[in-house]
Amino acid sequence: MKIHVTSILFYSAVAFITLSSCVVLAETGNAVHYSDKFQGKKTANGEVFDQNELTAAHKKFPYGSKVKVTNLANNQSVIVKINDRMARRNKNVIDVTKSAAKELGFLKKGRTRVSLEQIR
């Protein structure tokens, strides 16, 4: 069986593109949900905050980033869009809307340990 260098390069490039378009584990830490006092106010990127949307605040992810948030206590996940910033002194890794907290199963608890993966 003869293997062509061109074939190897092509399949290597396809594998690289496929692997690089997957998720990237960003961090693990505590998540909380927003207070109702922010409902209807503008987020850091100018959007109007809505507890019914699947959005979140993060310290570093660019606005518009899609992030998979997984509750480590029950393995439930949700994908949120980053549209706000957290205070640098905030010890949590992400603040999510109540809608996202409900899907993650920690709405009543208020805080849970999560892992974050940026979707590319």
PDB file of N, CA and C in Angstrom:
ATOM      1  N   MET A   1       0.847  -1.181   0.000  1.00  0.00           N
ATOM      2  CA  MET A   1       0.000   0.000   0.000  1.00  0.00           C
ATOM      3  C   MET A   1       0.883   1.231   0.000  1.00  0.00           C
ATOM      4  N   LYS A   2       0.648   2.114  -0.939  1.00  0.00           N
ATOM      5  CA  LYS A   2       1.450   3.316  -1.099  1.00  0.00           C
ATOM      6  C   LYS A   2       0.678   4.508  -0.523  1.00  0.00           C
ATOM      7  N   ILE A   3       1.318   5.248   0.365  1.00  0.00           N
ATOM      8  CA  ILE A   3       0.685   6.413   0.983  1.00  0.00           C
ATOM      9  C   ILE A   3       1.318   7.662   0.380  1.00  0.00           C
ATOM     10  N   HIS A   4       0.485   8.548  -0.087  1.00  0.00           N
ATOM     11  CA  HIS A   4       0.969   9.784  -0.677  1.00  0.00           C
ATOM     12  C   HIS A   4       1.106  10.850   0.394  1.00  0.00           C
ATOM     13  N   VAL A   5       2.148  11.646   0.298  1.00  0.00           N
ATOM     14  CA  VAL A   5       2.384  12.734   1.242  1.00  0.00           C
ATOM     15  C   VAL A   5       1.223  13.727   1.204  1.00  0.00           C
ATOM     16  N   THR A   6       0.674  13.974   0.017  1.00  0.00           N
ATOM     17  CA  THR A   6      -0.451  14.896  -0.110  1.00  0.00           C
ATOM     18  C   THR A   6      -1.654  14.405   0.692  1.00  0.00           C
ATOM     19  N   SER A   7      -1.914  13.115   0.647  1.00  0.00           N
ATOM     20  CA  SER A   7      -3.027  12.547   1.407  1.00  0.00           C
ATOM     21  C   SER A   7      -2.821  12.717   2.898  1.00  0.00           C
ATOM     22  N   ILE A   8      -1.617  12.468   3.353  1.00  0.00           N
ATOM     23  CA  ILE A   8      -1.315  12.608   4.782  1.00  0.00           C
ATOM     24  C   ILE A   8      -1.507  14.054   5.219  1.00  0.00           C
ATOM     25  N   LEU A   9      -1.015  14.991   4.436  1.00  0.00           N
ATOM     26  CA  LEU A   9      -1.162  16.406   4.777  1.00  0.00           C
ATOM     27  C   LEU A   9      -2.626  16.820   4.799  1.00  0.00           C
ATOM     28  N   PHE A  10      -3.398  16.345   3.823  1.00  0.00           N
ATOM     29  CA  PHE A  10      -4.824  16.679   3.767  1.00  0.00           C
ATOM     30  C   PHE A  10      -5.552  16.165   5.005  1.00  0.00           C
ATOM     31  N   TYR A  11      -5.368  14.894   5.338  1.00  0.00           N
ATOM     32  CA  TYR A  11      -6.068  14.313   6.478  1.00  0.00           C
ATOM     33  C   TYR A  11      -5.575  14.902   7.803  1.00  0.00           C
ATOM     34  N   SER A  12      -4.312  15.269   7.872  1.00  0.00           N
ATOM     35  CA  SER A  12      -3.800  15.937   9.071  1.00  0.00           C
ATOM     36  C   SER A  12      -4.471  17.293   9.246  1.00  0.00           C
ATOM     37  N   ALA A  13      -4.624  18.033   8.139  1.00  0.00           N
ATOM     38  CA  ALA A  13      -5.274  19.343   8.203  1.00  0.00           C
ATOM     39  C   ALA A  13      -6.731  19.202   8.621  1.00  0.00           C
ATOM     40  N   VAL A  14      -7.427  18.209   8.080  1.00  0.00           N
ATOM     41  CA  VAL A  14      -8.828  17.979   8.443  1.00  0.00           C
ATOM     42  C   VAL A  14      -8.927  17.633   9.923  1.00  0.00           C
ATOM     43  N   ALA A  15      -8.049  16.791  10.419  1.00  0.00           N
ATOM     44  CA  ALA A  15      -8.061  16.421  11.839  1.00  0.00           C
ATOM     45  C   ALA A  15      -7.795  17.644  12.703  1.00  0.00           C
ATOM     46  N   PHE A  16      -6.828  18.493  12.303  1.00  0.00           N
ATOM     47  CA  PHE A  16      -6.516  19.696  13.070  1.00  0.00           C
ATOM     48  C   PHE A  16      -7.709  20.639  13.105  1.00  0.00           C
ATOM     49  N   ILE A  17      -8.346  20.862  11.974  1.00  0.00           N
ATOM     50  CA  ILE A  17      -9.502  21.760  11.917  1.00  0.00           C
ATOM     51  C   ILE A  17     -10.637  21.205  12.779  1.00  0.00           C
ATOM     52  N   THR A  18     -10.872  19.904  12.689  1.00  0.00           N
ATOM     53  CA  THR A  18     -11.930  19.285  13.479  1.00  0.00           C
ATOM     54  C   THR A  18     -11.641  19.413  14.967  1.00  0.00           C
ATOM     55  N   LEU A  19     -10.421  19.121  15.380  1.00  0.00           N
ATOM     56  CA  LEU A  19     -10.074  19.209  16.795  1.00  0.00           C
ATOM     57  C   LEU A  19     -10.083  20.647  17.284  1.00  0.00           C
ATOM     58  N   SER A  20      -9.632  21.581  16.468  1.00  0.00           N
ATOM     59  CA  SER A  20      -9.577  22.967  16.921  1.00  0.00           C
ATOM     60  C   SER A  20     -10.955  23.622  16.947  1.00  0.00           C
ATOM     61  N   SER A  21     -11.960  23.008  16.333  1.00  0.00           N
ATOM     62  CA  SER A  21     -13.299  23.594  16.365  1.00  0.00           C
ATOM     63  C   SER A  21     -14.139  23.029  17.502  1.00  0.00           C
ATOM     64  N   CYS A  22     -13.551  22.218  18.340  1.00  0.00           N
ATOM     65  CA  CYS A  22     -14.268  21.634  19.471  1.00  0.00           C
ATOM     66  C   CYS A  22     -14.285  22.615  20.640  1.00  0.00           C
ATOM     67  N   VAL A  23     -14.749  22.136  21.767  1.00  0.00           N
ATOM     68  CA  VAL A  23     -14.812  22.966  22.955  1.00  0.00           C
ATOM     69  C   VAL A  23     -13.453  23.037  23.632  1.00  0.00           C
ATOM     70  N   VAL A  24     -13.246  24.106  24.387  1.00  0.00           N
ATOM     71  CA  VAL A  24     -12.008  24.297  25.117  1.00  0.00           C
ATOM     72  C   VAL A  24     -12.368  24.485  26.582  1.00  0.00           C
ATOM     73  N   LEU A  25     -11.833  23.630  27.457  1.00  0.00           N
ATOM     74  CA  LEU A  25     -12.102  23.759  28.880  1.00  0.00           C
ATOM     75  C   LEU A  25     -11.448  25.032  29.383  1.00  0.00           C
ATOM     76  N   ALA A  26     -12.223  25.887  29.981  1.00  0.00           N
ATOM     77  CA  ALA A  26     -11.715  27.170  30.415  1.00  0.00           C
ATOM     78  C   ALA A  26     -11.399  27.188  31.898  1.00  0.00           C
ATOM     79  N   GLU A  27     -12.372  26.835  32.719  1.00  0.00           N
ATOM     80  CA  GLU A  27     -12.144  26.901  34.153  1.00  0.00           C
ATOM     81  C   GLU A  27     -13.253  26.208  34.925  1.00  0.00           C
ATOM     82  N   THR A  28     -13.002  26.033  36.201  1.00  0.00           N
ATOM     83  CA  THR A  28     -13.959  25.434  37.114  1.00  0.00           C
ATOM     84  C   THR A  28     -14.072  26.341  38.329  1.00  0.00           C
ATOM     85  N   GLY A  29     -15.281  26.488  38.840  1.00  0.00           N
ATOM     86  CA  GLY A  29     -15.479  27.324  40.017  1.00  0.00           C
ATOM     87  C   GLY A  29     -16.951  27.456  40.328  1.00  0.00           C
ATOM     88  N   ASN A  30     -17.298  28.468  41.104  1.00  0.00           N
ATOM     89  CA  ASN A  30     -18.689  28.672  41.500  1.00  0.00           C
ATOM     90  C   ASN A  30     -19.446  29.549  40.513  1.00  0.00           C
ATOM     91  N   ALA A  31     -20.711  29.195  40.331  1.00  0.00           N
ATOM     92  CA  ALA A  31     -21.634  29.996  39.525  1.00  0.00           C
ATOM     93  C   ALA A  31     -22.760  30.459  40.431  1.00  0.00           C
ATOM     94  N   VAL A  32     -23.253  31.653  40.174  1.00  0.00           N
ATOM     95  CA  VAL A  32     -24.423  32.187  40.865  1.00  0.00           C
ATOM     96  C   VAL A  32     -25.351  32.733  39.796  1.00  0.00           C
ATOM     97  N   HIS A  33     -26.581  33.073  40.196  1.00  0.00           N
ATOM     98  CA  HIS A  33     -27.472  33.712  39.233  1.00  0.00           C
ATOM     99  C   HIS A  33     -27.716  35.153  39.643  1.00  0.00           C
ATOM    100  N   TYR A  34     -28.041  35.962  38.632  1.00  0.00           N
ATOM    101  CA  TYR A  34     -28.281  37.391  38.824  1.00  0.00           C
ATOM    102  C   TYR A  34     -29.463  37.650  39.756  1.00  0.00           C
ATOM    103  N   SER A  35     -29.394  38.786  40.400  1.00  0.00           N
ATOM    104  CA  SER A  35     -30.508  39.293  41.190  1.00  0.00           C
ATOM    105  C   SER A  35     -31.541  39.907  40.242  1.00  0.00           C
ATOM    106  N   ASP A  36     -32.790  39.921  40.650  1.00  0.00           N
ATOM    107  CA  ASP A  36     -33.854  40.527  39.839  1.00  0.00           C
ATOM    108  C   ASP A  36     -33.681  42.037  39.660  1.00  0.00           C
ATOM    109  N   LYS A  37     -32.864  42.671  40.497  1.00  0.00           N
ATOM    110  CA  LYS A  37     -32.702  44.127  40.395  1.00  0.00           C
ATOM    111  C   LYS A  37     -32.058  44.555  39.066  1.00  0.00           C
ATOM    112  N   PHE A  38     -31.461  43.612  38.336  1.00  0.00           N
ATOM    113  CA  PHE A  38     -30.830  43.944  37.058  1.00  0.00           C
ATOM    114  C   PHE A  38     -31.782  43.810  35.872  1.00  0.00           C
ATOM    115  N   GLN A  39     -32.956  43.232  36.090  1.00  0.00           N
ATOM    116  CA  GLN A  39     -33.922  43.028  35.003  1.00  0.00           C
ATOM    117  C   GLN A  39     -34.222  44.345  34.288  1.00  0.00           C
ATOM    118  N   GLY A  40     -34.077  44.345  32.973  1.00  0.00           N
ATOM    119  CA  GLY A  40     -34.384  45.513  32.152  1.00  0.00           C
ATOM    120  C   GLY A  40     -33.273  46.538  32.051  1.00  0.00           C
ATOM    121  N   LYS A  41     -32.199  46.370  32.806  1.00  0.00           N
ATOM    122  CA  LYS A  41     -31.068  47.311  32.743  1.00  0.00           C
ATOM    123  C   LYS A  41     -30.101  46.868  31.655  1.00  0.00           C
ATOM    124  N   LYS A  42     -29.250  47.779  31.233  1.00  0.00           N
ATOM    125  CA  LYS A  42     -28.281  47.452  30.182  1.00  0.00           C
ATOM    126  C   LYS A  42     -27.110  46.662  30.752  1.00  0.00           C
ATOM    127  N   THR A  43     -26.672  45.674  29.977  1.00  0.00           N
ATOM    128  CA  THR A  43     -25.480  44.912  30.329  1.00  0.00           C
ATOM    129  C   THR A  43     -24.260  45.681  29.843  1.00  0.00           C
ATOM    130  N   ALA A  44     -23.080  45.180  30.152  1.00  0.00           N
ATOM    131  CA  ALA A  44     -21.838  45.857  29.773  1.00  0.00           C
ATOM    132  C   ALA A  44     -21.682  46.012  28.262  1.00  0.00           C
ATOM    133  N   ASN A  45     -22.275  45.126  27.475  1.00  0.00           N
ATOM    134  CA  ASN A  45     -22.143  45.263  26.024  1.00  0.00           C
ATOM    135  C   ASN A  45     -23.312  46.027  25.401  1.00  0.00           C
ATOM    136  N   GLY A  46     -24.217  46.560  26.243  1.00  0.00           N
ATOM    137  CA  GLY A  46     -25.298  47.398  25.743  1.00  0.00           C
ATOM    138  C   GLY A  46     -26.629  46.700  25.543  1.00  0.00           C
ATOM    139  N   GLU A  47     -26.683  45.374  25.666  1.00  0.00           N
ATOM    140  CA  GLU A  47     -27.951  44.656  25.541  1.00  0.00           C
ATOM    141  C   GLU A  47     -28.797  44.886  26.790  1.00  0.00           C
ATOM    142  N   VAL A  48     -30.092  44.754  26.641  1.00  0.00           N
ATOM    143  CA  VAL A  48     -30.989  44.855  27.786  1.00  0.00           C
ATOM    144  C   VAL A  48     -31.015  43.489  28.479  1.00  0.00           C
ATOM    145  N   PHE A  49     -30.763  43.495  29.790  1.00  0.00           N
ATOM    146  CA  PHE A  49     -30.717  42.249  30.559  1.00  0.00           C
ATOM    147  C   PHE A  49     -32.107  41.656  30.701  1.00  0.00           C
ATOM    148  N   ASP A  50     -32.191  40.339  30.474  1.00  0.00           N
ATOM    149  CA  ASP A  50     -33.468  39.628  30.580  1.00  0.00           C
ATOM    150  C   ASP A  50     -33.224  38.291  31.270  1.00  0.00           C
ATOM    151  N   GLN A  51     -33.833  38.093  32.434  1.00  0.00           N
ATOM    152  CA  GLN A  51     -33.681  36.856  33.195  1.00  0.00           C
ATOM    153  C   GLN A  51     -34.184  35.634  32.418  1.00  0.00           C
ATOM    154  N   ASN A  52     -35.004  35.841  31.402  1.00  0.00           N
ATOM    155  CA  ASN A  52     -35.561  34.724  30.628  1.00  0.00           C
ATOM    156  C   ASN A  52     -34.650  34.250  29.507  1.00  0.00           C
ATOM    157  N   GLU A  53     -33.569  34.958  29.260  1.00  0.00           N
ATOM    158  CA  GLU A  53     -32.614  34.576  28.210  1.00  0.00           C
ATOM    159  C   GLU A  53     -31.513  33.698  28.804  1.00  0.00           C
ATOM    160  N   LEU A  54     -30.769  33.033  27.942  1.00  0.00           N
ATOM    161  CA  LEU A  54     -29.634  32.218  28.377  1.00  0.00           C
ATOM    162  C   LEU A  54     -28.359  33.019  28.143  1.00  0.00           C
ATOM    163  N   THR A  55     -28.108  33.959  29.048  1.00  0.00           N
ATOM    164  CA  THR A  55     -26.927  34.815  28.950  1.00  0.00           C
ATOM    165  C   THR A  55     -26.175  34.779  30.268  1.00  0.00           C
ATOM    166  N   ALA A  56     -24.967  35.376  30.263  1.00  0.00           N
ATOM    167  CA  ALA A  56     -24.135  35.328  31.459  1.00  0.00           C
ATOM    168  C   ALA A  56     -23.097  36.439  31.452  1.00  0.00           C
ATOM    169  N   ALA A  57     -22.511  36.634  32.623  1.00  0.00           N
ATOM    170  CA  ALA A  57     -21.386  37.559  32.790  1.00  0.00           C
ATOM    171  C   ALA A  57     -20.137  36.750  33.113  1.00  0.00           C
ATOM    172  N   HIS A  58     -19.013  37.177  32.546  1.00  0.00           N
ATOM    173  CA  HIS A  58     -17.725  36.536  32.794  1.00  0.00           C
ATOM    174  C   HIS A  58     -16.667  37.625  32.826  1.00  0.00           C
ATOM    175  N   LYS A  59     -15.547  37.350  33.466  1.00  0.00           N
ATOM    176  CA  LYS A  59     -14.493  38.363  33.590  1.00  0.00           C
ATOM    177  C   LYS A  59     -13.695  38.558  32.306  1.00  0.00           C
ATOM    178  N   LYS A  60     -13.507  37.491  31.510  1.00  0.00           N
ATOM    179  CA  LYS A  60     -12.576  37.586  30.378  1.00  0.00           C
ATOM    180  C   LYS A  60     -13.132  37.181  29.015  1.00  0.00           C
ATOM    181  N   PHE A  61     -14.082  36.253  28.961  1.00  0.00           N
ATOM    182  CA  PHE A  61     -14.569  35.809  27.653  1.00  0.00           C
ATOM    183  C   PHE A  61     -15.098  37.003  26.866  1.00  0.00           C
ATOM    184  N   PRO A  62     -14.816  37.065  25.561  1.00  0.00           N
ATOM    185  CA  PRO A  62     -15.325  38.177  24.739  1.00  0.00           C
ATOM    186  C   PRO A  62     -16.848  38.170  24.673  1.00  0.00           C
ATOM    187  N   TYR A  63     -17.420  39.356  24.523  1.00  0.00           N
ATOM    188  CA  TYR A  63     -18.870  39.463  24.339  1.00  0.00           C
ATOM    189  C   TYR A  63     -19.275  38.641  23.124  1.00  0.00           C
ATOM    190  N   GLY A  64     -20.402  37.963  23.244  1.00  0.00           N
ATOM    191  CA  GLY A  64     -20.888  37.127  22.148  1.00  0.00           C
ATOM    192  C   GLY A  64     -20.382  35.706  22.203  1.00  0.00           C
ATOM    193  N   SER A  65     -19.399  35.413  23.055  1.00  0.00           N
ATOM    194  CA  SER A  65     -18.886  34.046  23.176  1.00  0.00           C
ATOM    195  C   SER A  65     -19.980  33.113  23.654  1.00  0.00           C
ATOM    196  N   LYS A  66     -19.965  31.907  23.133  1.00  0.00           N
ATOM    197  CA  LYS A  66     -20.868  30.857  23.596  1.00  0.00           C
ATOM    198  C   LYS A  66     -20.080  29.992  24.575  1.00  0.00           C
ATOM    199  N   VAL A  67     -20.667  29.762  25.741  1.00  0.00           N
ATOM    200  CA  VAL A  67     -19.992  29.003  26.784  1.00  0.00           C
ATOM    201  C   VAL A  67     -20.915  27.904  27.291  1.00  0.00           C
ATOM    202  N   LYS A  68     -20.412  26.690  27.317  1.00  0.00           N
ATOM    203  CA  LYS A  68     -21.156  25.573  27.889  1.00  0.00           C
ATOM    204  C   LYS A  68     -20.854  25.552  29.384  1.00  0.00           C
ATOM    205  N   VAL A  69     -21.904  25.674  30.187  1.00  0.00           N
ATOM    206  CA  VAL A  69     -21.782  25.654  31.642  1.00  0.00           C
ATOM    207  C   VAL A  69     -22.343  24.316  32.120  1.00  0.00           C
ATOM    208  N   THR A  70     -21.551  23.568  32.866  1.00  0.00           N
ATOM    209  CA  THR A  70     -21.986  22.274  33.378  1.00  0.00           C
ATOM    210  C   THR A  70     -21.980  22.296  34.896  1.00  0.00           C
ATOM    211  N   ASN A  71     -23.129  21.984  35.494  1.00  0.00           N
ATOM    212  CA  ASN A  71     -23.253  21.879  36.942  1.00  0.00           C
ATOM    213  C   ASN A  71     -22.580  20.576  37.359  1.00  0.00           C
ATOM    214  N   LEU A  72     -21.517  20.664  38.145  1.00  0.00           N
ATOM    215  CA  LEU A  72     -20.762  19.471  38.527  1.00  0.00           C
ATOM    216  C   LEU A  72     -21.499  18.602  39.533  1.00  0.00           C
ATOM    217  N   ALA A  73     -22.527  19.143  40.192  1.00  0.00           N
ATOM    218  CA  ALA A  73     -23.305  18.363  41.166  1.00  0.00           C
ATOM    219  C   ALA A  73     -24.293  17.414  40.499  1.00  0.00           C
ATOM    220  N   ASN A  74     -24.800  17.787  39.303  1.00  0.00           N
ATOM    221  CA  ASN A  74     -25.817  16.946  38.661  1.00  0.00           C
ATOM    222  C   ASN A  74     -25.541  16.684  37.179  1.00  0.00           C
ATOM    223  N   ASN A  75     -24.453  17.217  36.668  1.00  0.00           N
ATOM    224  CA  ASN A  75     -24.021  17.030  35.273  1.00  0.00           C
ATOM    225  C   ASN A  75     -24.976  17.649  34.247  1.00  0.00           C
ATOM    226  N   GLN A  76     -25.865  18.553  34.661  1.00  0.00           N
ATOM    227  CA  GLN A  76     -26.739  19.248  33.716  1.00  0.00           C
ATOM    228  C   GLN A  76     -25.949  20.404  33.089  1.00  0.00           C
ATOM    229  N   SER A  77     -26.183  20.632  31.785  1.00  0.00           N
ATOM    230  CA  SER A  77     -25.451  21.668  31.055  1.00  0.00           C
ATOM    231  C   SER A  77     -26.391  22.595  30.310  1.00  0.00           C
ATOM    232  N   VAL A  78     -25.891  23.791  30.032  1.00  0.00           N
ATOM    233  CA  VAL A  78     -26.602  24.776  29.231  1.00  0.00           C
ATOM    234  C   VAL A  78     -25.557  25.611  28.505  1.00  0.00           C
ATOM    235  N   ILE A  79     -25.919  26.095  27.326  1.00  0.00           N
ATOM    236  CA  ILE A  79     -25.023  26.999  26.595  1.00  0.00           C
ATOM    237  C   ILE A  79     -25.568  28.406  26.749  1.00  0.00           C
ATOM    238  N   VAL A  80     -24.699  29.307  27.201  1.00  0.00           N
ATOM    239  CA  VAL A  80     -25.074  30.705  27.406  1.00  0.00           C
ATOM    240  C   VAL A  80     -24.220  31.605  26.518  1.00  0.00           C
ATOM    241  N   LYS A  81     -24.734  32.799  26.276  1.00  0.00           N
ATOM    242  CA  LYS A  81     -23.982  33.808  25.527  1.00  0.00           C
ATOM    243  C   LYS A  81     -23.465  34.843  26.527  1.00  0.00           C
ATOM    244  N   ILE A  82     -22.201  35.175  26.424  1.00  0.00           N
ATOM    245  CA  ILE A  82     -21.607  36.185  27.306  1.00  0.00           C
ATOM    246  C   ILE A  82     -21.990  37.570  26.792  1.00  0.00           C
ATOM    247  N   ASN A  83     -22.673  38.347  27.657  1.00  0.00           N
ATOM    248  CA  ASN A  83     -23.058  39.710  27.262  1.00  0.00           C
ATOM    249  C   ASN A  83     -22.821  40.719  28.386  1.00  0.00           C
ATOM    250  N   ASP A  84     -22.107  40.289  29.429  1.00  0.00           N
ATOM    251  CA  ASP A  84     -21.882  41.179  30.564  1.00  0.00           C
ATOM    252  C   ASP A  84     -20.535  40.862  31.201  1.00  0.00           C
ATOM    253  N   ARG A  85     -20.044  41.773  32.027  1.00  0.00           N
ATOM    254  CA  ARG A  85     -18.793  41.608  32.746  1.00  0.00           C
ATOM    255  C   ARG A  85     -19.061  41.479  34.233  1.00  0.00           C
ATOM    256  N   MET A  86     -18.193  40.732  34.892  1.00  0.00           N
ATOM    257  CA  MET A  86     -18.248  40.595  36.343  1.00  0.00           C
ATOM    258  C   MET A  86     -17.178  41.492  36.945  1.00  0.00           C
ATOM    259  N   ALA A  87     -17.392  41.907  38.172  1.00  0.00           N
ATOM    260  CA  ALA A  87     -16.374  42.676  38.878  1.00  0.00           C
ATOM    261  C   ALA A  87     -15.133  41.801  39.073  1.00  0.00           C
ATOM    262  N   ARG A  88     -13.971  42.372  38.930  1.00  0.00           N
ATOM    263  CA  ARG A  88     -12.718  41.598  39.075  1.00  0.00           C
ATOM    264  C   ARG A  88     -12.605  40.973  40.462  1.00  0.00           C
ATOM    265  N   ARG A  89     -13.149  41.621  41.466  1.00  0.00           N
ATOM    266  CA  ARG A  89     -13.052  41.106  42.833  1.00  0.00           C
ATOM    267  C   ARG A  89     -14.031  39.970  43.108  1.00  0.00           C
ATOM    268  N   ASN A  90     -14.972  39.730  42.186  1.00  0.00           N
ATOM    269  CA  ASN A  90     -15.955  38.660  42.330  1.00  0.00           C
ATOM    270  C   ASN A  90     -15.227  37.310  42.306  1.00  0.00           C
ATOM    271  N   LYS A  91     -15.467  36.481  43.284  1.00  0.00           N
ATOM    272  CA  LYS A  91     -14.783  35.182  43.401  1.00  0.00           C
ATOM    273  C   LYS A  91     -15.429  34.082  42.552  1.00  0.00           C
ATOM    274  N   ASN A  92     -16.637  34.328  42.035  1.00  0.00           N
ATOM    275  CA  ASN A  92     -17.307  33.338  41.191  1.00  0.00           C
ATOM    276  C   ASN A  92     -16.703  33.355  39.790  1.00  0.00           C
ATOM    277  N   VAL A  93     -16.882  32.249  39.039  1.00  0.00           N
ATOM    278  CA  VAL A  93     -16.352  32.204  37.679  1.00  0.00           C
ATOM    279  C   VAL A  93     -17.359  32.708  36.650  1.00  0.00           C
ATOM    280  N   ILE A  94     -18.668  32.677  36.999  1.00  0.00           N
ATOM    281  CA  ILE A  94     -19.687  33.110  36.047  1.00  0.00           C
ATOM    282  C   ILE A  94     -20.970  33.468  36.797  1.00  0.00           C
ATOM    283  N   ASP A  95     -21.667  34.466  36.287  1.00  0.00           N
ATOM    284  CA  ASP A  95     -23.011  34.816  36.756  1.00  0.00           C
ATOM    285  C   ASP A  95     -23.956  34.514  35.605  1.00  0.00           C
ATOM    286  N   VAL A  96     -24.985  33.729  35.862  1.00  0.00           N
ATOM    287  CA  VAL A  96     -25.928  33.348  34.807  1.00  0.00           C
ATOM    288  C   VAL A  96     -27.316  33.895  35.130  1.00  0.00           C
ATOM    289  N   THR A  97     -28.172  33.935  34.133  1.00  0.00           N
ATOM    290  CA  THR A  97     -29.560  34.351  34.343  1.00  0.00           C
ATOM    291  C   THR A  97     -30.307  33.277  35.132  1.00  0.00           C
ATOM    292  N   LYS A  98     -31.458  33.654  35.637  1.00  0.00           N
ATOM    293  CA  LYS A  98     -32.281  32.676  36.359  1.00  0.00           C
ATOM    294  C   LYS A  98     -32.728  31.549  35.440  1.00  0.00           C
ATOM    295  N   SER A  99     -32.976  31.863  34.180  1.00  0.00           N
ATOM    296  CA  SER A  99     -33.365  30.837  33.212  1.00  0.00           C
ATOM    297  C   SER A  99     -32.261  29.786  33.075  1.00  0.00           C
ATOM    298  N   ALA A 100     -31.010  30.236  32.987  1.00  0.00           N
ATOM    299  CA  ALA A 100     -29.881  29.308  32.888  1.00  0.00           C
ATOM    300  C   ALA A 100     -29.713  28.531  34.194  1.00  0.00           C
ATOM    301  N   ALA A 101     -29.877  29.209  35.328  1.00  0.00           N
ATOM    302  CA  ALA A 101     -29.763  28.537  36.632  1.00  0.00           C
ATOM    303  C   ALA A 101     -30.820  27.451  36.776  1.00  0.00           C
ATOM    304  N   LYS A 102     -32.016  27.720  36.270  1.00  0.00           N
ATOM    305  CA  LYS A 102     -33.096  26.720  36.323  1.00  0.00           C
ATOM    306  C   LYS A 102     -32.717  25.488  35.507  1.00  0.00           C
ATOM    307  N   GLU A 103     -32.193  25.708  34.288  1.00  0.00           N
ATOM    308  CA  GLU A 103     -31.790  24.574  33.448  1.00  0.00           C
ATOM    309  C   GLU A 103     -30.630  23.796  34.063  1.00  0.00           C
ATOM    310  N   LEU A 104     -29.788  24.497  34.812  1.00  0.00           N
ATOM    311  CA  LEU A 104     -28.653  23.849  35.468  1.00  0.00           C
ATOM    312  C   LEU A 104     -29.053  23.190  36.786  1.00  0.00           C
ATOM    313  N   GLY A 105     -30.260  23.481  37.262  1.00  0.00           N
ATOM    314  CA  GLY A 105     -30.761  22.835  38.466  1.00  0.00           C
ATOM    315  C   GLY A 105     -30.286  23.446  39.775  1.00  0.00           C
ATOM    316  N   PHE A 106     -29.926  24.739  39.770  1.00  0.00           N
ATOM    317  CA  PHE A 106     -29.511  25.346  41.032  1.00  0.00           C
ATOM    318  C   PHE A 106     -30.235  26.659  41.346  1.00  0.00           C
ATOM    319  N   LEU A 107     -31.381  26.874  40.737  1.00  0.00           N
ATOM    320  CA  LEU A 107     -32.119  28.118  40.933  1.00  0.00           C
ATOM    321  C   LEU A 107     -32.430  28.361  42.411  1.00  0.00           C
ATOM    322  N   LYS A 108     -32.962  27.379  43.100  1.00  0.00           N
ATOM    323  CA  LYS A 108     -33.323  27.560  44.516  1.00  0.00           C
ATOM    324  C   LYS A 108     -32.098  27.608  45.418  1.00  0.00           C
ATOM    325  N   LYS A 109     -31.079  26.873  45.057  1.00  0.00           N
ATOM    326  CA  LYS A 109     -29.848  26.816  45.853  1.00  0.00           C
ATOM    327  C   LYS A 109     -29.076  28.135  45.764  1.00  0.00           C
ATOM    328  N   GLY A 110     -29.063  28.764  44.581  1.00  0.00           N
ATOM    329  CA  GLY A 110     -28.408  30.058  44.406  1.00  0.00           C
ATOM    330  C   GLY A 110     -26.960  30.016  43.973  1.00  0.00           C
ATOM    331  N   ARG A 111     -26.275  28.936  44.253  1.00  0.00           N
ATOM    332  CA  ARG A 111     -24.851  28.807  43.898  1.00  0.00           C
ATOM    333  C   ARG A 111     -24.533  27.336  43.680  1.00  0.00           C
ATOM    334  N   THR A 112     -23.637  27.072  42.727  1.00  0.00           N
ATOM    335  CA  THR A 112     -23.194  25.695  42.501  1.00  0.00           C
ATOM    336  C   THR A 112     -21.814  25.703  41.879  1.00  0.00           C
ATOM    337  N   ARG A 113     -21.156  24.581  41.937  1.00  0.00           N
ATOM    338  CA  ARG A 113     -19.833  24.413  41.334  1.00  0.00           C
ATOM    339  C   ARG A 113     -20.035  23.997  39.872  1.00  0.00           C
ATOM    340  N   VAL A 114     -19.327  24.675  38.962  1.00  0.00           N
ATOM    341  CA  VAL A 114     -19.506  24.425  37.531  1.00  0.00           C
ATOM    342  C   VAL A 114     -18.152  24.319  36.820  1.00  0.00           C
ATOM    343  N   SER A 115     -18.212  23.756  35.624  1.00  0.00           N
ATOM    344  CA  SER A 115     -17.078  23.845  34.696  1.00  0.00           C
ATOM    345  C   SER A 115     -17.557  24.643  33.500  1.00  0.00           C
ATOM    346  N   LEU A 116     -16.637  25.382  32.907  1.00  0.00           N
ATOM    347  CA  LEU A 116     -16.950  26.213  31.740  1.00  0.00           C
ATOM    348  C   LEU A 116     -16.132  25.743  30.558  1.00  0.00           C
ATOM    349  N   GLU A 117     -16.785  25.660  29.407  1.00  0.00           N
ATOM    350  CA  GLU A 117     -16.114  25.317  28.158  1.00  0.00           C
ATOM    351  C   GLU A 117     -16.540  26.323  27.103  1.00  0.00           C
ATOM    352  N   GLN A 118     -15.578  27.032  26.543  1.00  0.00           N
ATOM    353  CA  GLN A 118     -15.911  27.974  25.479  1.00  0.00           C
ATOM    354  C   GLN A 118     -16.128  27.202  24.203  1.00  0.00           C
ATOM    355  N   ILE A 119     -17.277  27.422  23.556  1.00  0.00           N
ATOM    356  CA  ILE A 119     -17.614  26.747  22.311  1.00  0.00           C
ATOM    357  C   ILE A 119     -17.001  27.530  21.157  1.00  0.00           C
ATOM    358  N   ARG A 120     -16.287  26.842  20.305  1.00  0.00           N
ATOM    359  CA  ARG A 120     -15.647  27.525  19.163  1.00  0.00           C
ATOM    360  C   ARG A 120     -16.347  27.198  17.889  1.00  0.00           C
TER     361      ARG A 120
END
